[in-house]
Amino acid sequence: MPGTREGGLKAAATNKQRYGDAFYQGIGKVGGTKSRGGGFAKDPELAREAGRKGGKISRRGKSTKPREVIVR
């Protein structure tokens, strides 16, 4: 039953029985307290630059198919 929804519900019930109903709230609180709000949320310009670099480095090769020029 490990890895199934039913197993997860049983594990959650066991955790709540052993450690109280606020078990998962405590885990969430620790994660939120340790968060420093860094990364791209802190520096949008850094995110912009990273996106520019990633977009420039294409994993696809140059097209070998000849382009059709449309003159109007």
PDB file of N, CA and C in Angstrom:
ATOM      1  N   MET A   1       0.796  -1.203   0.000  1.00  0.00           N
ATOM      2  CA  MET A   1       0.000   0.000   0.000  1.00  0.00           C
ATOM      3  C   MET A   1       0.847   1.281   0.000  1.00  0.00           C
ATOM      4  N   PRO A   2       2.157   1.169   0.140  1.00  0.00           N
ATOM      5  CA  PRO A   2       2.947   2.399   0.108  1.00  0.00           C
ATOM      6  C   PRO A   2       2.846   3.060  -1.262  1.00  0.00           C
ATOM      7  N   GLY A   3       2.760   4.366  -1.252  1.00  0.00           N
ATOM      8  CA  GLY A   3       2.691   5.106  -2.500  1.00  0.00           C
ATOM      9  C   GLY A   3       1.282   5.251  -3.049  1.00  0.00           C
ATOM     10  N   THR A   4       0.282   4.792  -2.312  1.00  0.00           N
ATOM     11  CA  THR A   4      -1.096   4.944  -2.767  1.00  0.00           C
ATOM     12  C   THR A   4      -1.806   5.989  -1.920  1.00  0.00           C
ATOM     13  N   ARG A   5      -2.939   6.423  -2.398  1.00  0.00           N
ATOM     14  CA  ARG A   5      -3.718   7.423  -1.666  1.00  0.00           C
ATOM     15  C   ARG A   5      -4.145   6.876  -0.303  1.00  0.00           C
ATOM     16  N   GLU A   6      -4.557   5.624  -0.315  1.00  0.00           N
ATOM     17  CA  GLU A   6      -5.013   4.993   0.923  1.00  0.00           C
ATOM     18  C   GLU A   6      -3.878   4.944   1.961  1.00  0.00           C
ATOM     19  N   GLY A   7      -2.675   4.604   1.493  1.00  0.00           N
ATOM     20  CA  GLY A   7      -1.523   4.562   2.389  1.00  0.00           C
ATOM     21  C   GLY A   7      -1.184   5.937   2.939  1.00  0.00           C
ATOM     22  N   GLY A   8      -1.316   6.951   2.096  1.00  0.00           N
ATOM     23  CA  GLY A   8      -1.056   8.322   2.533  1.00  0.00           C
ATOM     24  C   GLY A   8      -2.026   8.777   3.597  1.00  0.00           C
ATOM     25  N   LEU A   9      -3.281   8.401   3.427  1.00  0.00           N
ATOM     26  CA  LEU A   9      -4.299   8.772   4.421  1.00  0.00           C
ATOM     27  C   LEU A   9      -4.037   8.084   5.761  1.00  0.00           C
ATOM     28  N   LYS A  10      -3.592   6.820   5.692  1.00  0.00           N
ATOM     29  CA  LYS A  10      -3.270   6.107   6.937  1.00  0.00           C
ATOM     30  C   LYS A  10      -2.071   6.735   7.637  1.00  0.00           C
ATOM     31  N   ALA A  11      -1.061   7.109   6.844  1.00  0.00           N
ATOM     32  CA  ALA A  11       0.129   7.741   7.418  1.00  0.00           C
ATOM     33  C   ALA A  11      -0.236   9.081   8.055  1.00  0.00           C
ATOM     34  N   ALA A  12      -1.091   9.840   7.392  1.00  0.00           N
ATOM     35  CA  ALA A  12      -1.513  11.136   7.931  1.00  0.00           C
ATOM     36  C   ALA A  12      -2.263  10.942   9.248  1.00  0.00           C
ATOM     37  N   ALA A  13      -3.117   9.929   9.287  1.00  0.00           N
ATOM     38  CA  ALA A  13      -3.870   9.666  10.515  1.00  0.00           C
ATOM     39  C   ALA A  13      -2.928   9.272  11.656  1.00  0.00           C
ATOM     40  N   THR A  14      -1.919   8.458  11.333  1.00  0.00           N
ATOM     41  CA  THR A  14      -0.945   8.046  12.350  1.00  0.00           C
ATOM     42  C   THR A  14      -0.160   9.247  12.866  1.00  0.00           C
ATOM     43  N   ASN A  15       0.300  10.104  11.953  1.00  0.00           N
ATOM     44  CA  ASN A  15       1.057  11.292  12.360  1.00  0.00           C
ATOM     45  C   ASN A  15       0.225  12.200  13.255  1.00  0.00           C
ATOM     46  N   LYS A  16      -1.033  12.377  12.902  1.00  0.00           N
ATOM     47  CA  LYS A  16      -1.900  13.238  13.710  1.00  0.00           C
ATOM     48  C   LYS A  16      -2.159  12.626  15.087  1.00  0.00           C
ATOM     49  N   GLN A  17      -2.263  11.301  15.119  1.00  0.00           N
ATOM     50  CA  GLN A  17      -2.490  10.624  16.403  1.00  0.00           C
ATOM     51  C   GLN A  17      -1.259  10.750  17.295  1.00  0.00           C
ATOM     52  N   ARG A  18      -0.080  10.563  16.733  1.00  0.00           N
ATOM     53  CA  ARG A  18       1.157  10.609  17.528  1.00  0.00           C
ATOM     54  C   ARG A  18       1.543  12.026  17.942  1.00  0.00           C
ATOM     55  N   TYR A  19       1.428  12.966  17.003  1.00  0.00           N
ATOM     56  CA  TYR A  19       1.984  14.308  17.232  1.00  0.00           C
ATOM     57  C   TYR A  19       0.956  15.416  17.352  1.00  0.00           C
ATOM     58  N   GLY A  20      -0.325  15.081  17.244  1.00  0.00           N
ATOM     59  CA  GLY A  20      -1.366  16.091  17.408  1.00  0.00           C
ATOM     60  C   GLY A  20      -1.896  16.567  16.064  1.00  0.00           C
ATOM     61  N   ASP A  21      -3.025  17.251  16.107  1.00  0.00           N
ATOM     62  CA  ASP A  21      -3.682  17.705  14.884  1.00  0.00           C
ATOM     63  C   ASP A  21      -2.906  18.795  14.158  1.00  0.00           C
ATOM     64  N   ALA A  22      -2.037  19.493  14.853  1.00  0.00           N
ATOM     65  CA  ALA A  22      -1.285  20.592  14.235  1.00  0.00           C
ATOM     66  C   ALA A  22       0.043  20.125  13.642  1.00  0.00           C
ATOM     67  N   PHE A  23       0.212  18.834  13.417  1.00  0.00           N
ATOM     68  CA  PHE A  23       1.469  18.285  12.913  1.00  0.00           C
ATOM     69  C   PHE A  23       1.864  18.913  11.575  1.00  0.00           C
ATOM     70  N   TYR A  24       0.952  18.930  10.636  1.00  0.00           N
ATOM     71  CA  TYR A  24       1.277  19.454   9.303  1.00  0.00           C
ATOM     72  C   TYR A  24       1.369  20.980   9.301  1.00  0.00           C
ATOM     73  N   GLN A  25       0.647  21.621  10.189  1.00  0.00           N
ATOM     74  CA  GLN A  25       0.766  23.074  10.322  1.00  0.00           C
ATOM     75  C   GLN A  25       2.166  23.450  10.790  1.00  0.00           C
ATOM     76  N   GLY A  26       2.698  22.649  11.723  1.00  0.00           N
ATOM     77  CA  GLY A  26       4.047  22.906  12.225  1.00  0.00           C
ATOM     78  C   GLY A  26       5.097  22.759  11.138  1.00  0.00           C
ATOM     79  N   ILE A  27       4.950  21.735  10.295  1.00  0.00           N
ATOM     80  CA  ILE A  27       5.892  21.543   9.188  1.00  0.00           C
ATOM     81  C   ILE A  27       5.845  22.745   8.251  1.00  0.00           C
ATOM     82  N   GLY A  28       4.640  23.197   7.933  1.00  0.00           N
ATOM     83  CA  GLY A  28       4.480  24.346   7.043  1.00  0.00           C
ATOM     84  C   GLY A  28       5.048  25.612   7.648  1.00  0.00           C
ATOM     85  N   LYS A  29       4.892  25.766   8.944  1.00  0.00           N
ATOM     86  CA  LYS A  29       5.397  26.961   9.623  1.00  0.00           C
ATOM     87  C   LYS A  29       6.916  27.012   9.562  1.00  0.00           C
ATOM     88  N   VAL A  30       7.565  25.862   9.767  1.00  0.00           N
ATOM     89  CA  VAL A  30       9.032  25.811   9.714  1.00  0.00           C
ATOM     90  C   VAL A  30       9.514  26.211   8.326  1.00  0.00           C
ATOM     91  N   GLY A  31       8.860  25.675   7.293  1.00  0.00           N
ATOM     92  CA  GLY A  31       9.256  26.015   5.923  1.00  0.00           C
ATOM     93  C   GLY A  31       9.073  27.493   5.632  1.00  0.00           C
ATOM     94  N   GLY A  32       7.960  28.055   6.068  1.00  0.00           N
ATOM     95  CA  GLY A  32       7.702  29.468   5.829  1.00  0.00           C
ATOM     96  C   GLY A  32       8.644  30.370   6.594  1.00  0.00           C
ATOM     97  N   THR A  33       9.048  29.944   7.786  1.00  0.00           N
ATOM     98  CA  THR A  33       9.954  30.753   8.604  1.00  0.00           C
ATOM     99  C   THR A  33      11.353  30.758   8.018  1.00  0.00           C
ATOM    100  N   LYS A  34      11.779  29.626   7.468  1.00  0.00           N
ATOM    101  CA  LYS A  34      13.126  29.538   6.920  1.00  0.00           C
ATOM    102  C   LYS A  34      13.261  30.247   5.573  1.00  0.00           C
ATOM    103  N   SER A  35      12.135  30.515   4.911  1.00  0.00           N
ATOM    104  CA  SER A  35      12.162  31.142   3.596  1.00  0.00           C
ATOM    105  C   SER A  35      12.779  32.531   3.693  1.00  0.00           C
ATOM    106  N   ARG A  36      13.656  32.820   2.786  1.00  0.00           N
ATOM    107  CA  ARG A  36      14.322  34.125   2.778  1.00  0.00           C
ATOM    108  C   ARG A  36      13.785  35.026   1.671  1.00  0.00           C
ATOM    109  N   GLY A  37      12.891  34.507   0.856  1.00  0.00           N
ATOM    110  CA  GLY A  37      12.314  35.319  -0.213  1.00  0.00           C
ATOM    111  C   GLY A  37      13.334  35.715  -1.260  1.00  0.00           C
ATOM    112  N   GLY A  38      14.336  34.880  -1.463  1.00  0.00           N
ATOM    113  CA  GLY A  38      15.392  35.227  -2.410  1.00  0.00           C
ATOM    114  C   GLY A  38      15.067  34.763  -3.808  1.00  0.00           C
ATOM    115  N   GLY A  39      16.093  34.571  -4.580  1.00  0.00           N
ATOM    116  CA  GLY A  39      15.919  34.090  -5.948  1.00  0.00           C
ATOM    117  C   GLY A  39      15.372  35.161  -6.860  1.00  0.00           C
ATOM    118  N   PHE A  40      14.595  34.744  -7.824  1.00  0.00           N
ATOM    119  CA  PHE A  40      14.080  35.672  -8.821  1.00  0.00           C
ATOM    120  C   PHE A  40      13.028  36.613  -8.247  1.00  0.00           C
ATOM    121  N   ALA A  41      12.370  36.215  -7.167  1.00  0.00           N
ATOM    122  CA  ALA A  41      11.362  37.085  -6.563  1.00  0.00           C
ATOM    123  C   ALA A  41      12.022  38.344  -6.020  1.00  0.00           C
ATOM    124  N   LYS A  42      13.259  38.214  -5.608  1.00  0.00           N
ATOM    125  CA  LYS A  42      13.974  39.336  -5.011  1.00  0.00           C
ATOM    126  C   LYS A  42      14.576  40.263  -6.069  1.00  0.00           C
ATOM    127  N   ASP A  43      14.953  39.692  -7.220  1.00  0.00           N
ATOM    128  CA  ASP A  43      15.665  40.469  -8.234  1.00  0.00           C
ATOM    129  C   ASP A  43      15.117  40.181  -9.634  1.00  0.00           C
ATOM    130  N   PRO A  44      14.088  40.916 -10.072  1.00  0.00           N
ATOM    131  CA  PRO A  44      13.499  40.672 -11.385  1.00  0.00           C
ATOM    132  C   PRO A  44      14.493  40.879 -12.533  1.00  0.00           C
ATOM    133  N   GLU A  45      15.439  41.769 -12.332  1.00  0.00           N
ATOM    134  CA  GLU A  45      16.436  42.020 -13.387  1.00  0.00           C
ATOM    135  C   GLU A  45      17.305  40.781 -13.594  1.00  0.00           C
ATOM    136  N   LEU A  46      17.619  40.080 -12.515  1.00  0.00           N
ATOM    137  CA  LEU A  46      18.385  38.837 -12.611  1.00  0.00           C
ATOM    138  C   LEU A  46      17.587  37.785 -13.385  1.00  0.00           C
ATOM    139  N   ALA A  47      16.292  37.726 -13.135  1.00  0.00           N
ATOM    140  CA  ALA A  47      15.428  36.783 -13.849  1.00  0.00           C
ATOM    141  C   ALA A  47      15.403  37.110 -15.336  1.00  0.00           C
ATOM    142  N   ARG A  48      15.344  38.384 -15.644  1.00  0.00           N
ATOM    143  CA  ARG A  48      15.319  38.824 -17.044  1.00  0.00           C
ATOM    144  C   ARG A  48      16.602  38.417 -17.750  1.00  0.00           C
ATOM    145  N   GLU A  49      17.717  38.629 -17.094  1.00  0.00           N
ATOM    146  CA  GLU A  49      19.017  38.286 -17.672  1.00  0.00           C
ATOM    147  C   GLU A  49      19.159  36.771 -17.856  1.00  0.00           C
ATOM    148  N   ALA A  50      18.695  36.008 -16.883  1.00  0.00           N
ATOM    149  CA  ALA A  50      18.761  34.541 -16.988  1.00  0.00           C
ATOM    150  C   ALA A  50      17.896  34.050 -18.142  1.00  0.00           C
ATOM    151  N   GLY A  51      16.734  34.639 -18.311  1.00  0.00           N
ATOM    152  CA  GLY A  51      15.860  34.267 -19.418  1.00  0.00           C
ATOM    153  C   GLY A  51      16.479  34.608 -20.757  1.00  0.00           C
ATOM    154  N   ARG A  52      17.164  35.737 -20.818  1.00  0.00           N
ATOM    155  CA  ARG A  52      17.825  36.145 -22.058  1.00  0.00           C
ATOM    156  C   ARG A  52      18.917  35.146 -22.428  1.00  0.00           C
ATOM    157  N   LYS A  53      19.711  34.777 -21.425  1.00  0.00           N
ATOM    158  CA  LYS A  53      20.798  33.815 -21.682  1.00  0.00           C
ATOM    159  C   LYS A  53      20.238  32.459 -22.109  1.00  0.00           C
ATOM    160  N   GLY A  54      19.204  31.998 -21.400  1.00  0.00           N
ATOM    161  CA  GLY A  54      18.619  30.701 -21.736  1.00  0.00           C
ATOM    162  C   GLY A  54      17.986  30.691 -23.104  1.00  0.00           C
ATOM    163  N   GLY A  55      17.377  31.798 -23.486  1.00  0.00           N
ATOM    164  CA  GLY A  55      16.738  31.887 -24.799  1.00  0.00           C
ATOM    165  C   GLY A  55      17.750  31.944 -25.930  1.00  0.00           C
ATOM    166  N   LYS A  56      18.903  32.521 -25.642  1.00  0.00           N
ATOM    167  CA  LYS A  56      19.943  32.640 -26.663  1.00  0.00           C
ATOM    168  C   LYS A  56      20.554  31.289 -26.990  1.00  0.00           C
ATOM    169  N   ILE A  57      20.679  30.425 -25.977  1.00  0.00           N
ATOM    170  CA  ILE A  57      21.320  29.133 -26.162  1.00  0.00           C
ATOM    171  C   ILE A  57      20.246  28.133 -26.566  1.00  0.00           C
ATOM    172  N   SER A  58      20.039  28.000 -27.847  1.00  0.00           N
ATOM    173  CA  SER A  58      19.014  27.095 -28.338  1.00  0.00           C
ATOM    174  C   SER A  58      19.556  25.683 -28.407  1.00  0.00           C
ATOM    175  N   ARG A  59      18.738  24.709 -28.062  1.00  0.00           N
ATOM    176  CA  ARG A  59      19.134  23.310 -28.171  1.00  0.00           C
ATOM    177  C   ARG A  59      18.853  22.782 -29.575  1.00  0.00           C
ATOM    178  N   ARG A  60      18.109  23.527 -30.331  1.00  0.00           N
ATOM    179  CA  ARG A  60      17.801  23.105 -31.687  1.00  0.00           C
ATOM    180  C   ARG A  60      18.837  23.683 -32.635  1.00  0.00           C
ATOM    181  N   GLY A  61      19.176  22.916 -33.622  1.00  0.00           N
ATOM    182  CA  GLY A  61      20.148  23.388 -34.605  1.00  0.00           C
ATOM    183  C   GLY A  61      19.518  24.397 -35.549  1.00  0.00           C
ATOM    184  N   LYS A  62      20.340  25.012 -36.345  1.00  0.00           N
ATOM    185  CA  LYS A  62      19.849  25.970 -37.332  1.00  0.00           C
ATOM    186  C   LYS A  62      19.029  25.223 -38.374  1.00  0.00           C
ATOM    187  N   SER A  63      18.029  25.889 -38.898  1.00  0.00           N
ATOM    188  CA  SER A  63      17.169  25.277 -39.896  1.00  0.00           C
ATOM    189  C   SER A  63      17.936  25.099 -41.196  1.00  0.00           C
ATOM    190  N   THR A  64      17.790  23.920 -41.807  1.00  0.00           N
ATOM    191  CA  THR A  64      18.458  23.668 -43.088  1.00  0.00           C
ATOM    192  C   THR A  64      17.463  23.810 -44.231  1.00  0.00           C
ATOM    193  N   LYS A  65      16.205  24.001 -43.885  1.00  0.00           N
ATOM    194  CA  LYS A  65      15.165  24.147 -44.889  1.00  0.00           C
ATOM    195  C   LYS A  65      15.231  25.570 -45.456  1.00  0.00           C
ATOM    196  N   PRO A  66      15.247  25.714 -46.787  1.00  0.00           N
ATOM    197  CA  PRO A  66      15.318  27.077 -47.346  1.00  0.00           C
ATOM    198  C   PRO A  66      14.043  27.858 -47.042  1.00  0.00           C
ATOM    199  N   ARG A  67      14.216  29.129 -46.742  1.00  0.00           N
ATOM    200  CA  ARG A  67      13.061  29.964 -46.420  1.00  0.00           C
ATOM    201  C   ARG A  67      12.430  30.497 -47.685  1.00  0.00           C
ATOM    202  N   GLU A  68      11.117  30.655 -47.626  1.00  0.00           N
ATOM    203  CA  GLU A  68      10.393  31.217 -48.757  1.00  0.00           C
ATOM    204  C   GLU A  68      10.214  32.689 -48.484  1.00  0.00           C
ATOM    205  N   VAL A  69      10.672  33.542 -49.418  1.00  0.00           N
ATOM    206  CA  VAL A  69      10.582  34.980 -49.241  1.00  0.00           C
ATOM    207  C   VAL A  69       9.300  35.462 -49.914  1.00  0.00           C
ATOM    208  N   ILE A  70       8.469  36.159 -49.146  1.00  0.00           N
ATOM    209  CA  ILE A  70       7.210  36.680 -49.669  1.00  0.00           C
ATOM    210  C   ILE A  70       7.383  38.185 -49.886  1.00  0.00           C
ATOM    211  N   VAL A  71       7.205  38.621 -51.138  1.00  0.00           N
ATOM    212  CA  VAL A  71       7.333  40.035 -51.470  1.00  0.00           C
ATOM    213  C   VAL A  71       5.950  40.559 -51.764  1.00  0.00           C
ATOM    214  N   ARG A  72       5.598  41.665 -51.107  1.00  0.00           N
ATOM    215  CA  ARG A  72       4.259  42.238 -51.331  1.00  0.00           C
ATOM    216  C   ARG A  72       4.339  43.530 -52.069  1.00  0.00           C
TER     217      ARG A  72
END
